[in-house]
PDB file of all heavy atoms in Angstrom:
ATOM      1  N   ALA A   1     119.295 109.527  92.079  1.00  0.00           N
ATOM      2  CA  ALA A   1     119.580 110.423  90.950  1.00  0.00           C
ATOM      3  C   ALA A   1     120.573 111.585  91.235  1.00  0.00           C
ATOM      4  O   ALA A   1     120.917 112.369  90.435  1.00  0.00           O
ATOM      5  CB  ALA A   1     118.241 111.050  90.432  1.00  0.00           C
ATOM      6  N   GLY A   2     121.101 111.504  92.488  1.00  0.00           N
ATOM      7  CA  GLY A   2     122.057 112.469  92.936  1.00  0.00           C
ATOM      8  C   GLY A   2     121.421 113.894  93.208  1.00  0.00           C
ATOM      9  O   GLY A   2     122.160 114.897  93.319  1.00  0.00           O
ATOM     10  N   LEU A   3     120.113 113.909  93.444  1.00  0.00           N
ATOM     11  CA  LEU A   3     119.470 115.163  93.670  1.00  0.00           C
ATOM     12  C   LEU A   3     119.450 115.424  95.180  1.00  0.00           C
ATOM     13  O   LEU A   3     119.573 114.483  96.021  1.00  0.00           O
ATOM     14  CB  LEU A   3     118.060 115.170  93.133  1.00  0.00           C
ATOM     15  CG  LEU A   3     117.951 114.751  91.655  1.00  0.00           C
ATOM     16  CD1 LEU A   3     116.508 114.535  91.255  1.00  0.00           C
ATOM     17  CD2 LEU A   3     118.608 115.897  90.873  1.00  0.00           C
ATOM     18  N   LEU A   4     119.308 116.626  95.548  1.00  0.00           N
ATOM     19  CA  LEU A   4     119.546 117.070  96.952  1.00  0.00           C
ATOM     20  C   LEU A   4     118.334 116.987  97.882  1.00  0.00           C
ATOM     21  O   LEU A   4     118.488 116.915  99.090  1.00  0.00           O
ATOM     22  CB  LEU A   4     120.054 118.589  97.003  1.00  0.00           C
ATOM     23  CG  LEU A   4     121.308 118.750  96.247  1.00  0.00           C
ATOM     24  CD1 LEU A   4     121.680 120.269  96.262  1.00  0.00           C
ATOM     25  CD2 LEU A   4     122.430 117.941  96.801  1.00  0.00           C
ATOM     26  N   ASP A   5     117.169 116.929  97.291  1.00  0.00           N
ATOM     27  CA  ASP A   5     115.995 117.028  98.157  1.00  0.00           C
ATOM     28  C   ASP A   5     115.273 115.753  98.535  1.00  0.00           C
ATOM     29  O   ASP A   5     114.043 115.707  98.820  1.00  0.00           O
ATOM     30  CB  ASP A   5     114.935 117.960  97.463  1.00  0.00           C
ATOM     31  CG  ASP A   5     115.454 119.383  97.302  1.00  0.00           C
ATOM     32  OD1 ASP A   5     116.276 119.803  98.072  1.00  0.00           O
ATOM     33  OD2 ASP A   5     114.944 120.175  96.374  1.00  0.00           O
ATOM     34  N   HIS A   6     116.033 114.671  98.603  1.00  0.00           N
ATOM     35  CA  HIS A   6     115.368 113.383  98.829  1.00  0.00           C
ATOM     36  C   HIS A   6     114.752 113.259 100.198  1.00  0.00           C
ATOM     37  O   HIS A   6     113.859 112.439 100.323  1.00  0.00           O
ATOM     38  CB  HIS A   6     116.413 112.216  98.676  1.00  0.00           C
ATOM     39  CG  HIS A   6     117.436 112.199  99.786  1.00  0.00           C
ATOM     40  ND1 HIS A   6     118.522 113.011  99.748  1.00  0.00           N
ATOM     41  CD2 HIS A   6     117.468 111.544 100.947  1.00  0.00           C
ATOM     42  CE1 HIS A   6     119.245 112.824 100.833  1.00  0.00           C
ATOM     43  NE2 HIS A   6     118.594 111.880 101.567  1.00  0.00           N
ATOM     44  N   ASP A   7     115.110 114.068 101.171  1.00  0.00           N
ATOM     45  CA  ASP A   7     114.520 113.978 102.517  1.00  0.00           C
ATOM     46  C   ASP A   7     113.309 114.911 102.619  1.00  0.00           C
ATOM     47  O   ASP A   7     112.666 114.890 103.732  1.00  0.00           O
ATOM     48  CB  ASP A   7     115.600 114.223 103.565  1.00  0.00           C
ATOM     49  CG  ASP A   7     116.273 115.575 103.366  1.00  0.00           C
ATOM     50  OD1 ASP A   7     116.085 116.225 102.290  1.00  0.00           O
ATOM     51  OD2 ASP A   7     116.749 116.157 104.437  1.00  0.00           O
ATOM     52  N   LEU A   8     113.012 115.689 101.658  1.00  0.00           N
ATOM     53  CA  LEU A   8     111.804 116.629 101.816  1.00  0.00           C
ATOM     54  C   LEU A   8     110.461 116.054 101.778  1.00  0.00           C
ATOM     55  O   LEU A   8     109.607 116.372 102.474  1.00  0.00           O
ATOM     56  CB  LEU A   8     111.989 117.778 100.832  1.00  0.00           C
ATOM     57  CG  LEU A   8     113.231 118.657 101.050  1.00  0.00           C
ATOM     58  CD1 LEU A   8     113.200 119.777 100.019  1.00  0.00           C
ATOM     59  CD2 LEU A   8     113.291 119.204 102.490  1.00  0.00           C
ATOM     60  N   PRO A   9     110.187 115.052 100.833  1.00  0.00           N
ATOM     61  CA  PRO A   9     108.880 114.432 100.813  1.00  0.00           C
ATOM     62  C   PRO A   9     108.599 113.739 102.138  1.00  0.00           C
ATOM     63  O   PRO A   9     109.428 112.936 102.582  1.00  0.00           O
ATOM     64  CB  PRO A   9     108.887 113.439  99.649  1.00  0.00           C
ATOM     65  CG  PRO A   9     110.040 113.936  98.793  1.00  0.00           C
ATOM     66  CD  PRO A   9     111.037 114.509  99.728  1.00  0.00           C
ATOM     67  N   THR A  10     107.516 114.111 102.732  1.00  0.00           N
ATOM     68  CA  THR A  10     107.088 113.513 104.074  1.00  0.00           C
ATOM     69  C   THR A  10     105.746 112.933 103.948  1.00  0.00           C
ATOM     70  O   THR A  10     104.777 113.559 103.449  1.00  0.00           O
ATOM     71  CB  THR A  10     107.142 114.635 105.108  1.00  0.00           C
ATOM     72  OG1 THR A  10     108.366 115.257 105.077  1.00  0.00           O
ATOM     73  CG2 THR A  10     106.922 114.125 106.460  1.00  0.00           C
ATOM     74  N   LEU A  11     105.584 111.749 104.456  1.00  0.00           N
ATOM     75  CA  LEU A  11     104.320 110.953 104.444  1.00  0.00           C
ATOM     76  C   LEU A  11     103.625 111.221 105.772  1.00  0.00           C
ATOM     77  O   LEU A  11     104.178 111.051 106.862  1.00  0.00           O
ATOM     78  CB  LEU A  11     104.489 109.485 104.294  1.00  0.00           C
ATOM     79  CG  LEU A  11     103.298 108.560 104.346  1.00  0.00           C
ATOM     80  CD1 LEU A  11     102.301 108.914 103.344  1.00  0.00           C
ATOM     81  CD2 LEU A  11     103.801 107.118 104.279  1.00  0.00           C
ATOM     82  N   PHE A  12     102.439 111.755 105.705  1.00  0.00           N
ATOM     83  CA  PHE A  12     101.546 111.907 106.947  1.00  0.00           C
ATOM     84  C   PHE A  12     100.396 111.004 106.831  1.00  0.00           C
ATOM     85  O   PHE A  12      99.929 110.654 105.770  1.00  0.00           O
ATOM     86  CB  PHE A  12     101.087 113.400 106.966  1.00  0.00           C
ATOM     87  CG  PHE A  12     102.115 114.471 106.977  1.00  0.00           C
ATOM     88  CD1 PHE A  12     102.562 115.030 105.817  1.00  0.00           C
ATOM     89  CD2 PHE A  12     102.681 114.857 108.189  1.00  0.00           C
ATOM     90  CE1 PHE A  12     103.553 116.005 105.858  1.00  0.00           C
ATOM     91  CE2 PHE A  12     103.688 115.748 108.217  1.00  0.00           C
ATOM     92  CZ  PHE A  12     104.112 116.356 107.040  1.00  0.00           C
ATOM     93  N   HIS A  13      99.980 110.510 107.965  1.00  0.00           N
ATOM     94  CA  HIS A  13      98.790 109.629 107.956  1.00  0.00           C
ATOM     95  C   HIS A  13      97.956 109.804 109.276  1.00  0.00           C
ATOM     96  O   HIS A  13      98.526 110.133 110.341  1.00  0.00           O
ATOM     97  CB  HIS A  13      99.219 108.182 107.803  1.00  0.00           C
ATOM     98  CG  HIS A  13     100.163 107.633 108.890  1.00  0.00           C
ATOM     99  ND1 HIS A  13      99.732 107.095 110.005  1.00  0.00           N
ATOM    100  CD2 HIS A  13     101.542 107.589 108.811  1.00  0.00           C
ATOM    101  CE1 HIS A  13     100.795 106.714 110.670  1.00  0.00           C
ATOM    102  NE2 HIS A  13     101.860 107.054 110.062  1.00  0.00           N
ATOM    103  N   ALA A  14      96.752 109.524 109.160  1.00  0.00           N
ATOM    104  CA  ALA A  14      95.821 109.536 110.354  1.00  0.00           C
ATOM    105  C   ALA A  14      96.319 108.492 111.343  1.00  0.00           C
ATOM    106  O   ALA A  14      96.893 107.492 110.956  1.00  0.00           O
ATOM    107  CB  ALA A  14      94.372 109.383 109.941  1.00  0.00           C
ATOM    108  N   GLU A  15      95.975 108.691 112.641  1.00  0.00           N
ATOM    109  CA  GLU A  15      96.438 107.747 113.634  1.00  0.00           C
ATOM    110  C   GLU A  15      95.872 106.351 113.413  1.00  0.00           C
ATOM    111  O   GLU A  15      96.515 105.376 113.800  1.00  0.00           O
ATOM    112  CB  GLU A  15      95.985 108.273 115.014  1.00  0.00           C
ATOM    113  CG  GLU A  15      96.767 109.449 115.502  1.00  0.00           C
ATOM    114  CD  GLU A  15      96.316 109.948 116.925  1.00  0.00           C
ATOM    115  OE1 GLU A  15      95.597 109.131 117.594  1.00  0.00           O
ATOM    116  OE2 GLU A  15      96.682 111.051 117.252  1.00  0.00           O
ATOM    117  N   ASP A  16      94.637 106.301 112.839  1.00  0.00           N
ATOM    118  CA  ASP A  16      94.014 104.929 112.632  1.00  0.00           C
ATOM    119  C   ASP A  16      94.371 104.339 111.248  1.00  0.00           C
ATOM    120  O   ASP A  16      93.847 103.323 110.875  1.00  0.00           O
ATOM    121  CB  ASP A  16      92.570 105.054 112.812  1.00  0.00           C
ATOM    122  CG  ASP A  16      91.923 105.953 111.829  1.00  0.00           C
ATOM    123  OD1 ASP A  16      92.607 106.857 111.235  1.00  0.00           O
ATOM    124  OD2 ASP A  16      90.675 105.836 111.566  1.00  0.00           O
ATOM    125  N   VAL A  17      95.332 104.877 110.573  1.00  0.00           N
ATOM    126  CA  VAL A  17      95.739 104.381 109.233  1.00  0.00           C
ATOM    127  C   VAL A  17      97.230 103.987 109.302  1.00  0.00           C
ATOM    128  O   VAL A  17      98.045 104.659 109.756  1.00  0.00           O
ATOM    129  CB  VAL A  17      95.615 105.517 108.210  1.00  0.00           C
ATOM    130  CG1 VAL A  17      96.106 105.002 106.881  1.00  0.00           C
ATOM    131  CG2 VAL A  17      94.183 105.939 108.100  1.00  0.00           C
ATOM    132  N   ASP A  18      97.427 102.686 108.788  1.00  0.00           N
ATOM    133  CA  ASP A  18      98.780 102.156 108.730  1.00  0.00           C
ATOM    134  C   ASP A  18      99.172 102.153 107.260  1.00  0.00           C
ATOM    135  O   ASP A  18      98.686 101.415 106.532  1.00  0.00           O
ATOM    136  CB  ASP A  18      98.728 100.703 109.270  1.00  0.00           C
ATOM    137  CG  ASP A  18     100.104 100.012 109.206  1.00  0.00           C
ATOM    138  OD1 ASP A  18     101.100 100.658 108.787  1.00  0.00           O
ATOM    139  OD2 ASP A  18     100.219  98.884 109.606  1.00  0.00           O
ATOM    140  N   PRO A  19     100.183 103.061 106.934  1.00  0.00           N
ATOM    141  CA  PRO A  19     100.590 103.183 105.574  1.00  0.00           C
ATOM    142  C   PRO A  19     101.287 101.928 105.038  1.00  0.00           C
ATOM    143  O   PRO A  19     101.391 101.729 103.840  1.00  0.00           O
ATOM    144  CB  PRO A  19     101.534 104.375 105.517  1.00  0.00           C
ATOM    145  CG  PRO A  19     101.881 104.587 106.934  1.00  0.00           C
ATOM    146  CD  PRO A  19     100.886 103.964 107.823  1.00  0.00           C
ATOM    147  N   THR A  20     101.716 100.989 105.925  1.00  0.00           N
ATOM    148  CA  THR A  20     102.335  99.761 105.424  1.00  0.00           C
ATOM    149  C   THR A  20     101.293  98.794 104.883  1.00  0.00           C
ATOM    150  O   THR A  20     101.545  97.840 104.178  1.00  0.00           O
ATOM    151  CB  THR A  20     103.135  99.081 106.517  1.00  0.00           C
ATOM    152  OG1 THR A  20     102.325  98.699 107.616  1.00  0.00           O
ATOM    153  CG2 THR A  20     104.298 100.013 106.973  1.00  0.00           C
ATOM    154  N   THR A  21     100.046  99.001 105.328  1.00  0.00           N
ATOM    155  CA  THR A  21      98.908  98.144 104.826  1.00  0.00           C
ATOM    156  C   THR A  21      97.930  98.844 103.976  1.00  0.00           C
ATOM    157  O   THR A  21      96.896  98.276 103.569  1.00  0.00           O
ATOM    158  CB  THR A  21      98.173  97.494 106.009  1.00  0.00           C
ATOM    159  OG1 THR A  21      97.574  98.503 106.838  1.00  0.00           O
ATOM    160  CG2 THR A  21      99.177  96.629 106.845  1.00  0.00           C
ATOM    161  N   ALA A  22      98.244 100.074 103.586  1.00  0.00           N
ATOM    162  CA  ALA A  22      97.360 100.867 102.715  1.00  0.00           C
ATOM    163  C   ALA A  22      97.811 100.681 101.236  1.00  0.00           C
ATOM    164  O   ALA A  22      98.954 101.033 100.891  1.00  0.00           O
ATOM    165  CB  ALA A  22      97.409 102.331 103.096  1.00  0.00           C
ATOM    166  N   PHE A  23      96.919 100.182 100.495  1.00  0.00           N
ATOM    167  CA  PHE A  23      97.209  99.938  99.021  1.00  0.00           C
ATOM    168  C   PHE A  23      96.119 100.659  98.259  1.00  0.00           C
ATOM    169  O   PHE A  23      94.961 100.626  98.563  1.00  0.00           O
ATOM    170  CB  PHE A  23      97.118  98.445  98.757  1.00  0.00           C
ATOM    171  CG  PHE A  23      98.189  97.617  99.402  1.00  0.00           C
ATOM    172  CD1 PHE A  23      97.988  97.204 100.710  1.00  0.00           C
ATOM    173  CD2 PHE A  23      99.429  97.391  98.878  1.00  0.00           C
ATOM    174  CE1 PHE A  23      99.017  96.480 101.349  1.00  0.00           C
ATOM    175  CE2 PHE A  23     100.440  96.669  99.506  1.00  0.00           C
ATOM    176  CZ  PHE A  23     100.209  96.178 100.733  1.00  0.00           C
ATOM    177  N   LEU A  24      96.524 101.237  97.149  1.00  0.00           N
ATOM    178  CA  LEU A  24      95.567 101.871  96.202  1.00  0.00           C
ATOM    179  C   LEU A  24      95.291 101.048  95.001  1.00  0.00           C
ATOM    180  O   LEU A  24      94.225 101.293  94.368  1.00  0.00           O
ATOM    181  CB  LEU A  24      96.168 103.243  95.756  1.00  0.00           C
ATOM    182  CG  LEU A  24      96.428 104.280  96.866  1.00  0.00           C
ATOM    183  CD1 LEU A  24      96.891 105.538  96.288  1.00  0.00           C
ATOM    184  CD2 LEU A  24      95.136 104.489  97.702  1.00  0.00           C
ATOM    185  N   VAL A  25      96.070 100.108  94.730  1.00  0.00           N
ATOM    186  CA  VAL A  25      95.962  99.156  93.523  1.00  0.00           C
ATOM    187  C   VAL A  25      96.087  97.777  94.058  1.00  0.00           C
ATOM    188  O   VAL A  25      97.055  97.400  94.704  1.00  0.00           O
ATOM    189  CB  VAL A  25      97.020  99.510  92.459  1.00  0.00           C
ATOM    190  CG1 VAL A  25      96.857  98.488  91.324  1.00  0.00           C
ATOM    191  CG2 VAL A  25      96.876 100.914  91.973  1.00  0.00           C
ATOM    192  N   ALA A  26      95.012  96.900  93.772  1.00  0.00           N
ATOM    193  CA  ALA A  26      95.148  95.547  94.191  1.00  0.00           C
ATOM    194  C   ALA A  26      95.720  94.692  93.006  1.00  0.00           C
ATOM    195  O   ALA A  26      95.305  94.992  91.841  1.00  0.00           O
ATOM    196  CB  ALA A  26      93.724  95.064  94.578  1.00  0.00           C
ATOM    197  N   PRO A  27      96.470  93.738  93.294  1.00  0.00           N
ATOM    198  CA  PRO A  27      96.874  92.843  92.154  1.00  0.00           C
ATOM    199  C   PRO A  27      95.669  92.110  91.617  1.00  0.00           C
ATOM    200  O   PRO A  27      94.671  91.828  92.337  1.00  0.00           O
ATOM    201  CB  PRO A  27      97.839  91.903  92.836  1.00  0.00           C
ATOM    202  CG  PRO A  27      97.655  92.007  94.256  1.00  0.00           C
ATOM    203  CD  PRO A  27      96.942  93.252  94.552  1.00  0.00           C
ATOM    204  N   PRO A  28      95.781  91.669  90.353  1.00  0.00           N
ATOM    205  CA  PRO A  28      94.613  90.960  89.747  1.00  0.00           C
ATOM    206  C   PRO A  28      94.376  89.663  90.500  1.00  0.00           C
ATOM    207  O   PRO A  28      95.301  89.016  90.968  1.00  0.00           O
ATOM    208  CB  PRO A  28      95.058  90.732  88.381  1.00  0.00           C
ATOM    209  CG  PRO A  28      96.496  91.041  88.278  1.00  0.00           C
ATOM    210  CD  PRO A  28      96.816  91.890  89.445  1.00  0.00           C
ATOM    211  N   THR A  29      93.084  89.289  90.607  1.00  0.00           N
ATOM    212  CA  THR A  29      92.749  88.071  91.368  1.00  0.00           C
ATOM    213  C   THR A  29      92.543  86.878  90.413  1.00  0.00           C
ATOM    214  O   THR A  29      92.355  85.755  90.879  1.00  0.00           O
ATOM    215  CB  THR A  29      91.447  88.310  92.199  1.00  0.00           C
ATOM    216  OG1 THR A  29      90.419  88.741  91.387  1.00  0.00           O
ATOM    217  CG2 THR A  29      91.768  89.364  93.293  1.00  0.00           C
TER     218      THR A  29
END
């Protein structure tokens, strides 16, 4: 969008959590 603050949002996670495998919504089964 041409906005300046794209690098400010930072993802933090606990050591035992992998954000690449953390999902909040599951696809329908």
